[in-house]
Amino acid sequence: MDRAAAEDWIRAHVEPVGAIETAHERPWATVLRVPLADGVAWFKACGPVQAFEPRLSAQLFVRWPDRVAEVLGHDEERAWLLLADAGTPMQTFGNPPEVWLVALPPYAELQRGEAPHMHDHLAHSVPDLRVARLPAGYEDLLQHDLPLERDEIHRLREFAPRFAELCDELAAHDTPETVQHDDLHHANVYEQGDRRRVLDWGDASISHPFFSLVETFRFLEEINKLPPADPWFARLRDAYLEPWGRGLTPAFELAIRVGAFAHAMAWARQRDHLPEEERPDFDRWFPLVLRRAVAHTDERSPGL
């Protein structure tokens, strides 16, 4: 990133009242904190793997200004994004399931509303993880040097035909595919007054909408230590599904299973874009995602 050019661009959109500072720098994005007279703004320079994010964020803000961060400016060509402050991240309060009861229905409404724009998002490089493409994505995943034990990789290989069947079963439910965040956890939902805003769309894809809760549920298990059979999961499932209509519990349970593999594919895509020296740190967490997928090769694996 050309820091001087970025700061000139920022100043063309807002008036900083102090030094613009680096908030964090990652292989996939650099974030700058911009102090303003009435608060703060955030600049994000996206790497190639997330270059679609500025335009996607801007499009979502046009249609859903009460559910995503306010976009103060974006540059699609340079993959730059300037956001107004969105309030307090949910992780400040822990990860209370009660907040998800409030946050999930509006998110589902956003997804439903974005379904007609699916092809436009795809045309602007939002990753394509539609269900019909997942069996091929699964085969591609198996070609990677996965940080797993040999028996775990064997389980994945043996499961490939069954995975294709599960994708066909899921597609038969005919749920419209749309944008799905794929990183929907307590660090990416912000509270501002009575609003809950979803931020950080850099991991998003066009896929089955219900896949979004794979990550939400993983964090509830790992952060809140909720066991898989905890009643909260059914409550949150039902709250999320309410805007979609009735009778969708079987489709949701199947989507959570298939979505664990789609999530692993998305992680593999991120890993492919990393410099070699960054991969060991990434691989501290990648096996956790992969092993959740491996667990779903067991036909006895619990749904909800």
Protein backbone atom coordinates (compact mmCIF):
# COMPACT_ATOMS: atom_id res chain seq x y z
CA MET A 1 0.00 0.00 0.00
CA ASP A 2 1.18 3.51 -0.86
CA ARG A 3 0.74 5.09 2.58
CA ALA A 4 1.02 8.69 1.36
CA ALA A 5 -1.56 8.11 -1.38
CA ALA A 6 -3.85 6.37 1.09
CA GLU A 7 -3.69 9.28 3.53
CA ASP A 8 -4.40 11.77 0.73
CA TRP A 9 -7.41 9.67 -0.26
CA ILE A 10 -8.63 9.52 3.33
CA ARG A 11 -8.37 13.31 3.65
CA ALA A 12 -10.45 13.71 0.51
CA HIS A 13 -13.32 12.03 2.38
CA VAL A 14 -12.90 13.13 6.02
CA GLU A 15 -10.94 15.67 8.07
CA PRO A 16 -8.57 13.94 10.50
CA VAL A 17 -7.79 15.86 13.70
CA GLY A 18 -4.65 13.93 14.54
CA ALA A 19 -2.17 11.39 13.24
CA ILE A 20 -3.51 8.51 11.18
CA GLU A 21 -2.19 5.37 12.85
CA THR A 22 -1.90 1.71 11.89
CA ALA A 23 -4.44 -0.30 13.88
CA HIS A 24 -3.27 -3.63 12.55
CA GLU A 25 -1.51 -5.14 9.58
CA ARG A 26 -2.25 -8.60 8.26
CA PRO A 27 -1.26 -10.42 5.05
CA TRP A 28 -4.82 -9.93 3.77
CA ALA A 29 -5.48 -6.34 4.91
CA THR A 30 -4.08 -3.26 6.62
CA VAL A 31 -6.35 -1.15 8.85
CA LEU A 32 -5.69 2.48 9.79
CA ARG A 33 -7.36 4.43 12.59
CA VAL A 34 -8.42 7.93 11.57
CA PRO A 35 -9.21 10.34 14.46
CA LEU A 36 -12.07 12.76 13.76
CA ALA A 37 -13.53 15.66 15.69
CA ASP A 38 -16.65 13.64 16.46
CA GLY A 39 -15.09 10.20 16.84
CA VAL A 40 -13.07 7.94 14.60
CA ALA A 41 -13.13 6.41 11.12
CA TRP A 42 -11.44 3.26 9.89
CA PHE A 43 -9.54 2.79 6.64
CA LYS A 44 -8.94 -0.67 5.24
CA ALA A 45 -6.60 -1.56 2.39
CA CYS A 46 -7.57 -5.05 1.27
CA GLY A 47 -5.14 -7.55 -0.18
CA PRO A 48 -5.91 -9.43 -3.41
CA VAL A 49 -7.73 -12.27 -1.63
CA GLN A 50 -10.24 -9.77 -0.19
CA ALA A 51 -10.19 -7.14 -2.93
CA PHE A 52 -13.94 -7.56 -3.46
CA GLU A 53 -14.75 -6.30 0.05
CA PRO A 54 -14.89 -2.50 -0.54
CA ARG A 55 -17.46 -2.72 -3.31
CA LEU A 56 -19.48 -5.39 -1.52
CA SER A 57 -19.51 -3.30 1.67
CA ALA A 58 -20.63 -0.24 -0.27
CA GLN A 59 -23.42 -2.12 -2.01
CA LEU A 60 -24.66 -3.56 1.28
CA PHE A 61 -24.61 -0.14 2.90
CA VAL A 62 -26.73 1.35 0.11
CA ARG A 63 -29.43 -1.27 0.67
CA TRP A 64 -28.98 -2.02 4.39
CA PRO A 65 -27.70 1.14 6.09
CA ASP A 66 -29.00 0.07 9.50
CA ARG A 67 -27.30 -3.37 9.48
CA VAL A 68 -23.76 -2.77 8.25
CA ALA A 69 -21.12 -0.10 8.86
CA GLU A 70 -21.54 3.28 7.20
CA VAL A 71 -19.30 3.50 4.15
CA LEU A 72 -17.68 6.94 3.91
CA GLY A 73 -15.76 6.08 0.77
CA HIS A 74 -14.49 3.18 -1.29
CA ASP A 75 -12.16 2.62 -4.23
CA GLU A 76 -12.90 -0.62 -6.02
CA GLU A 77 -9.75 -0.52 -8.18
CA ARG A 78 -7.35 0.00 -5.27
CA ALA A 79 -9.45 -2.11 -2.86
CA TRP A 80 -9.69 0.69 -0.31
CA LEU A 81 -12.53 1.17 2.13
CA LEU A 82 -13.32 3.93 4.63
CA LEU A 83 -15.88 3.21 7.34
CA ALA A 84 -17.52 5.25 10.06
CA ASP A 85 -17.17 3.87 13.55
CA ALA A 86 -19.82 1.21 14.15
CA GLY A 87 -19.92 1.24 17.94
CA THR A 88 -18.85 -1.43 20.40
CA PRO A 89 -17.91 -4.95 19.29
CA MET A 90 -19.99 -7.71 20.82
CA GLN A 91 -16.84 -9.39 22.13
CA THR A 92 -16.52 -6.55 24.66
CA PHE A 93 -19.47 -8.14 26.47
CA GLY A 94 -18.22 -11.69 25.95
CA ASN A 95 -20.35 -13.63 23.51
CA PRO A 96 -23.85 -13.52 25.03
CA PRO A 97 -26.29 -15.77 23.14
CA GLU A 98 -29.03 -13.25 23.95
CA VAL A 99 -27.43 -10.74 21.60
CA TRP A 100 -27.47 -13.30 18.79
CA LEU A 101 -31.22 -13.66 19.28
CA VAL A 102 -31.47 -10.00 18.34
CA ALA A 103 -28.74 -9.91 15.67
CA LEU A 104 -29.56 -12.99 13.60
CA PRO A 105 -33.06 -12.17 12.24
CA PRO A 106 -31.99 -8.83 10.66
CA TYR A 107 -28.94 -10.56 9.20
CA ALA A 108 -31.21 -13.22 7.68
CA GLU A 109 -33.40 -10.47 6.21
CA LEU A 110 -30.31 -8.92 4.63
CA GLN A 111 -29.40 -12.26 3.10
CA ARG A 112 -32.88 -12.75 1.67
CA GLY A 113 -32.83 -9.26 0.22
CA GLU A 114 -29.42 -9.79 -1.38
CA ALA A 115 -30.41 -12.97 -3.23
CA PRO A 116 -31.53 -11.03 -6.36
CA HIS A 117 -28.09 -9.38 -6.45
CA MET A 118 -26.17 -12.67 -6.33
CA HIS A 119 -24.98 -12.58 -9.94
CA ASP A 120 -23.86 -8.96 -9.64
CA HIS A 121 -21.76 -9.87 -6.61
CA LEU A 122 -20.24 -12.81 -8.48
CA ALA A 123 -19.42 -10.54 -11.42
CA HIS A 124 -17.44 -8.37 -9.02
CA SER A 125 -15.31 -11.23 -7.69
CA VAL A 126 -17.13 -12.24 -4.51
CA PRO A 127 -15.98 -15.89 -4.14
CA ASP A 128 -18.31 -18.49 -5.62
CA LEU A 129 -19.11 -21.26 -3.14
CA ARG A 130 -22.53 -22.15 -4.47
CA VAL A 131 -23.65 -25.63 -3.52
CA ALA A 132 -23.38 -27.02 -7.05
CA ARG A 133 -19.68 -26.09 -7.08
CA LEU A 134 -18.82 -27.61 -3.71
CA PRO A 135 -18.06 -31.20 -4.83
CA ALA A 136 -15.40 -29.83 -7.18
CA GLY A 137 -14.18 -27.59 -4.38
CA TYR A 138 -13.96 -30.63 -2.12
CA GLU A 139 -11.75 -32.43 -4.64
CA ASP A 140 -9.56 -29.34 -4.87
CA LEU A 141 -9.29 -29.22 -1.08
CA LEU A 142 -7.99 -32.78 -1.09
CA GLN A 143 -5.18 -31.73 -3.43
CA HIS A 144 -3.83 -29.36 -0.78
CA ASP A 145 -1.12 -30.28 1.68
CA LEU A 146 -3.51 -30.26 4.61
CA PRO A 147 -2.15 -29.92 8.18
CA LEU A 148 -3.90 -33.10 9.35
CA GLU A 149 -2.96 -36.63 10.39
CA ARG A 150 -2.87 -39.28 7.70
CA ASP A 151 -6.00 -41.05 8.97
CA GLU A 152 -7.93 -37.78 8.96
CA ILE A 153 -7.02 -37.13 5.34
CA HIS A 154 -8.07 -40.69 4.55
CA ARG A 155 -11.47 -40.05 6.12
CA LEU A 156 -11.89 -36.96 3.96
CA ARG A 157 -10.98 -38.87 0.80
CA GLU A 158 -13.37 -41.71 1.61
CA PHE A 159 -16.16 -39.22 2.28
CA ALA A 160 -15.99 -37.49 -1.12
CA PRO A 161 -18.85 -39.46 -2.78
CA ARG A 162 -21.08 -38.98 0.26
CA PHE A 163 -20.29 -35.27 0.31
CA ALA A 164 -21.51 -34.95 -3.27
CA GLU A 165 -24.75 -36.70 -2.25
CA LEU A 166 -25.22 -34.32 0.67
CA CYS A 167 -24.78 -31.34 -1.66
CA ASP A 168 -27.49 -32.73 -3.94
CA GLU A 169 -29.77 -33.19 -0.93
CA LEU A 170 -29.15 -29.64 0.20
CA ALA A 171 -29.74 -28.20 -3.26
CA ALA A 172 -33.08 -30.02 -3.41
CA HIS A 173 -34.36 -27.82 -0.58
CA ASP A 174 -34.18 -24.93 -3.06
CA THR A 175 -33.09 -22.21 -0.63
CA PRO A 176 -31.94 -19.16 -2.61
CA GLU A 177 -28.19 -18.71 -2.57
CA THR A 178 -26.92 -15.31 -1.58
CA VAL A 179 -24.14 -13.49 0.24
CA GLN A 180 -23.01 -15.20 3.41
CA HIS A 181 -20.51 -13.61 5.78
CA ASP A 182 -18.55 -16.77 6.73
CA ASP A 183 -16.91 -15.06 9.72
CA LEU A 184 -20.01 -14.27 11.73
CA HIS A 185 -18.72 -14.22 15.29
CA HIS A 186 -18.64 -11.90 18.28
CA ALA A 187 -15.75 -9.76 16.97
CA ASN A 188 -17.63 -8.81 13.81
CA VAL A 189 -21.01 -7.76 15.24
CA TYR A 190 -21.12 -4.24 16.71
CA GLU A 191 -23.65 -2.57 18.96
CA GLN A 192 -24.57 1.05 18.30
CA GLY A 193 -27.61 2.26 20.20
CA ASP A 194 -30.36 -0.25 19.48
CA ARG A 195 -28.68 -1.44 16.25
CA ARG A 196 -26.51 -4.47 15.62
CA ARG A 197 -24.20 -4.02 12.65
CA VAL A 198 -22.25 -6.76 10.87
CA LEU A 199 -18.73 -5.72 9.81
CA ASP A 200 -15.73 -7.21 8.04
CA TRP A 201 -17.09 -8.85 4.89
CA GLY A 202 -13.67 -9.91 3.59
CA ASP A 203 -14.38 -13.62 4.09
CA ALA A 204 -17.82 -13.48 2.47
CA SER A 205 -18.92 -15.64 -0.43
CA ILE A 206 -21.96 -16.39 -2.53
CA SER A 207 -23.23 -19.64 -1.14
CA HIS A 208 -25.97 -21.28 0.86
CA PRO A 209 -27.11 -18.66 3.39
CA PHE A 210 -27.38 -21.05 6.31
CA PHE A 211 -23.63 -21.73 6.18
CA SER A 212 -23.19 -18.44 8.04
CA LEU A 213 -24.00 -20.04 11.39
CA VAL A 214 -21.21 -22.63 11.15
CA GLU A 215 -18.80 -20.04 12.54
CA THR A 216 -21.34 -18.49 14.93
CA PHE A 217 -22.00 -21.88 16.50
CA ARG A 218 -18.28 -22.77 16.61
CA PHE A 219 -17.57 -19.70 18.73
CA LEU A 220 -20.47 -20.44 21.05
CA GLU A 221 -18.97 -23.87 21.63
CA GLU A 222 -15.39 -22.66 22.03
CA ILE A 223 -15.87 -19.31 23.80
CA ASN A 224 -19.04 -19.99 25.78
CA LYS A 225 -18.32 -23.70 26.27
CA LEU A 226 -21.86 -24.61 25.23
CA PRO A 227 -22.20 -28.34 24.55
CA PRO A 228 -23.64 -29.25 21.11
CA ALA A 229 -26.97 -30.26 22.66
CA ASP A 230 -27.42 -26.97 24.54
CA PRO A 231 -30.93 -25.53 23.97
CA TRP A 232 -29.40 -22.21 22.90
CA PHE A 233 -28.46 -23.65 19.52
CA ALA A 234 -32.06 -24.55 18.71
CA ARG A 235 -33.27 -21.15 19.93
CA LEU A 236 -30.78 -19.32 17.74
CA ARG A 237 -31.51 -21.58 14.78
CA ASP A 238 -35.22 -20.82 15.06
CA ALA A 239 -34.62 -17.07 15.43
CA TYR A 240 -32.42 -17.08 12.34
CA LEU A 241 -34.85 -19.18 10.29
CA GLU A 242 -37.94 -17.14 11.16
CA PRO A 243 -37.44 -14.65 8.27
CA TRP A 244 -36.90 -17.53 5.85
CA GLY A 245 -40.19 -19.30 6.54
CA ARG A 246 -41.47 -22.52 8.05
CA GLY A 247 -40.28 -26.10 7.86
CA LEU A 248 -36.61 -25.37 7.25
CA THR A 249 -35.06 -27.16 10.22
CA PRO A 250 -33.99 -30.23 8.18
CA ALA A 251 -32.39 -27.98 5.55
CA PHE A 252 -30.61 -26.02 8.27
CA GLU A 253 -29.17 -29.11 9.94
CA LEU A 254 -27.94 -30.39 6.56
CA ALA A 255 -26.49 -26.96 5.75
CA ILE A 256 -24.53 -26.89 9.00
CA ARG A 257 -22.98 -30.21 8.07
CA VAL A 258 -22.16 -29.29 4.46
CA GLY A 259 -21.14 -25.79 5.54
CA ALA A 260 -18.35 -27.12 7.74
CA PHE A 261 -16.63 -28.34 4.58
CA ALA A 262 -17.39 -25.16 2.64
CA HIS A 263 -15.82 -23.20 5.48
CA ALA A 264 -12.67 -25.32 5.24
CA MET A 265 -12.55 -24.62 1.48
CA ALA A 266 -12.75 -20.89 2.17
CA TRP A 267 -9.86 -21.17 4.62
CA ALA A 268 -7.82 -23.06 2.03
CA ARG A 269 -8.42 -20.22 -0.42
CA GLN A 270 -7.13 -17.72 2.13
CA ARG A 271 -4.09 -19.90 2.80
CA ASP A 272 -3.28 -20.13 -0.93
CA HIS A 273 -2.86 -16.35 -1.03
CA LEU A 274 -0.47 -16.18 1.92
CA PRO A 275 3.28 -15.71 1.57
CA GLU A 276 5.10 -18.89 2.53
CA GLU A 277 6.48 -17.35 5.73
CA GLU A 278 2.95 -16.52 6.96
CA ARG A 279 1.56 -20.03 6.62
CA PRO A 280 2.90 -21.56 9.85
CA ASP A 281 0.96 -19.04 11.93
CA PHE A 282 -2.16 -19.60 9.82
CA ASP A 283 -1.75 -23.35 10.31
CA ARG A 284 -2.07 -22.96 14.07
CA TRP A 285 -5.82 -22.49 13.48
CA PHE A 286 -6.51 -24.16 10.13
CA PRO A 287 -6.44 -27.69 11.63
CA LEU A 288 -9.24 -26.74 14.03
CA VAL A 289 -11.45 -25.78 11.09
CA LEU A 290 -10.48 -28.91 9.16
CA ARG A 291 -11.13 -31.20 12.12
CA ARG A 292 -14.63 -29.83 12.55
CA ALA A 293 -15.21 -30.84 8.94
CA VAL A 294 -13.64 -34.25 9.53
CA ALA A 295 -16.03 -34.79 12.44
CA HIS A 296 -18.94 -34.37 10.01
CA THR A 297 -17.77 -37.35 7.96
CA ASP A 298 -19.31 -39.44 10.72
CA GLU A 299 -22.96 -40.14 9.89
CA ARG A 300 -23.64 -40.13 13.63
CA SER A 301 -22.31 -36.60 14.08
CA PRO A 302 -24.92 -34.54 15.89
CA GLY A 303 -26.83 -31.79 14.17
CA LEU A 304 -28.74 -29.68 16.63
